[in-house]
Amino acid sequence: MNIEIHDAALEARLQKQLQATGSASVEEVLPRLLETQEEQDRWLLENRETINAKIRRGIDQLDRDEGIPEDQLDAHLTKLKSQT
């Protein structure tokens, strides 16, 4: 199968992947990219209910005015990031 790429931005992204992985060709890098995408798709499918429950919980909290005020959000996110 031959694939022609007519999008310069996409070609640049592929070239960047080639350099980052040390691959000699798109044929070498493409299986890794597909595998990564398939893993992400599986994870999302396996965790869909949990993700949706967390989103619903967050929306419910916002509906009850339990959200973090916008002017405090950056500090809160920075604090959360430092805890991980």
Protein backbone atom coordinates (compact mmCIF):
# COMPACT_ATOMS: atom_id res chain seq x y z
CA MET A 1 0.00 0.00 0.00
CA ASN A 2 1.31 3.44 -0.88
CA ILE A 3 0.16 6.46 1.04
CA GLU A 4 0.61 9.93 -0.38
CA ILE A 5 0.68 12.85 2.02
CA HIS A 6 -0.47 16.14 0.56
CA ASP A 7 -0.62 18.04 3.85
CA ALA A 8 2.65 19.81 4.68
CA ALA A 9 1.78 20.06 8.38
CA LEU A 10 1.11 16.33 8.60
CA GLU A 11 4.31 15.56 6.75
CA ALA A 12 6.23 17.78 9.18
CA ARG A 13 4.67 15.94 12.13
CA LEU A 14 5.69 12.61 10.66
CA GLN A 15 9.24 13.87 10.06
CA LYS A 16 9.37 15.01 13.69
CA GLN A 17 8.29 11.52 14.81
CA LEU A 18 10.92 9.94 12.59
CA GLN A 19 13.63 12.08 14.16
CA ALA A 20 12.34 11.63 17.71
CA THR A 21 12.23 7.85 17.42
CA GLY A 22 15.31 7.41 15.28
CA SER A 23 13.22 5.58 12.72
CA ALA A 24 14.40 5.38 9.13
CA SER A 25 10.97 5.37 7.53
CA VAL A 26 7.30 5.99 8.11
CA GLU A 27 6.83 2.22 7.88
CA GLU A 28 8.88 1.91 11.07
CA VAL A 29 7.14 4.66 13.01
CA LEU A 30 3.56 4.03 11.89
CA PRO A 31 3.08 0.74 13.81
CA ARG A 32 4.15 2.46 17.05
CA LEU A 33 1.80 5.36 16.44
CA LEU A 34 -1.08 3.00 15.68
CA GLU A 35 -0.32 0.89 18.75
CA THR A 36 -0.32 3.97 20.96
CA GLN A 37 -3.64 5.12 19.52
CA GLU A 38 -5.15 1.66 19.95
CA GLU A 39 -3.99 1.56 23.59
CA GLN A 40 -5.58 4.95 24.24
CA ASP A 41 -8.81 3.86 22.57
CA ARG A 42 -8.90 0.67 24.69
CA TRP A 43 -8.23 2.63 27.88
CA LEU A 44 -11.00 5.11 27.10
CA LEU A 45 -13.43 2.30 26.32
CA GLU A 46 -12.52 0.39 29.49
CA ASN A 47 -12.80 3.53 31.65
CA ARG A 48 -15.73 5.24 29.94
CA GLU A 49 -18.18 4.73 32.81
CA THR A 50 -15.71 6.00 35.41
CA ILE A 51 -14.82 9.03 33.29
CA ASN A 52 -18.48 9.86 32.64
CA ALA A 53 -19.30 9.47 36.36
CA LYS A 54 -16.52 11.91 37.27
CA ILE A 55 -17.75 14.39 34.67
CA ARG A 56 -21.32 14.07 35.98
CA ARG A 57 -20.08 14.56 39.56
CA GLY A 58 -18.20 17.70 38.52
CA ILE A 59 -21.22 19.12 36.70
CA ASP A 60 -23.41 18.37 39.73
CA GLN A 61 -20.91 20.16 41.97
CA LEU A 62 -20.92 23.18 39.67
CA ASP A 63 -24.72 23.17 39.64
CA ARG A 64 -24.60 23.34 43.47
CA ASP A 65 -22.09 26.25 43.27
CA GLU A 66 -19.37 24.05 44.75
CA GLY A 67 -16.86 24.90 42.04
CA ILE A 68 -13.56 26.67 42.51
CA PRO A 69 -13.79 30.40 41.79
CA GLU A 70 -12.03 31.33 38.57
CA ASP A 71 -9.56 33.64 40.31
CA GLN A 72 -8.41 30.72 42.51
CA LEU A 73 -8.32 28.04 39.82
CA ASP A 74 -4.69 28.46 38.70
CA ALA A 75 -3.41 28.21 42.27
CA HIS A 76 -5.58 25.14 42.90
CA LEU A 77 -4.33 23.37 39.77
CA THR A 78 -0.72 24.20 40.64
CA LYS A 79 -1.26 22.71 44.10
CA LEU A 80 -2.78 19.54 42.63
CA LYS A 81 0.11 19.14 40.17
CA SER A 82 2.67 19.45 42.97
CA GLN A 83 0.97 16.64 44.90
CA THR A 84 1.47 14.05 42.17
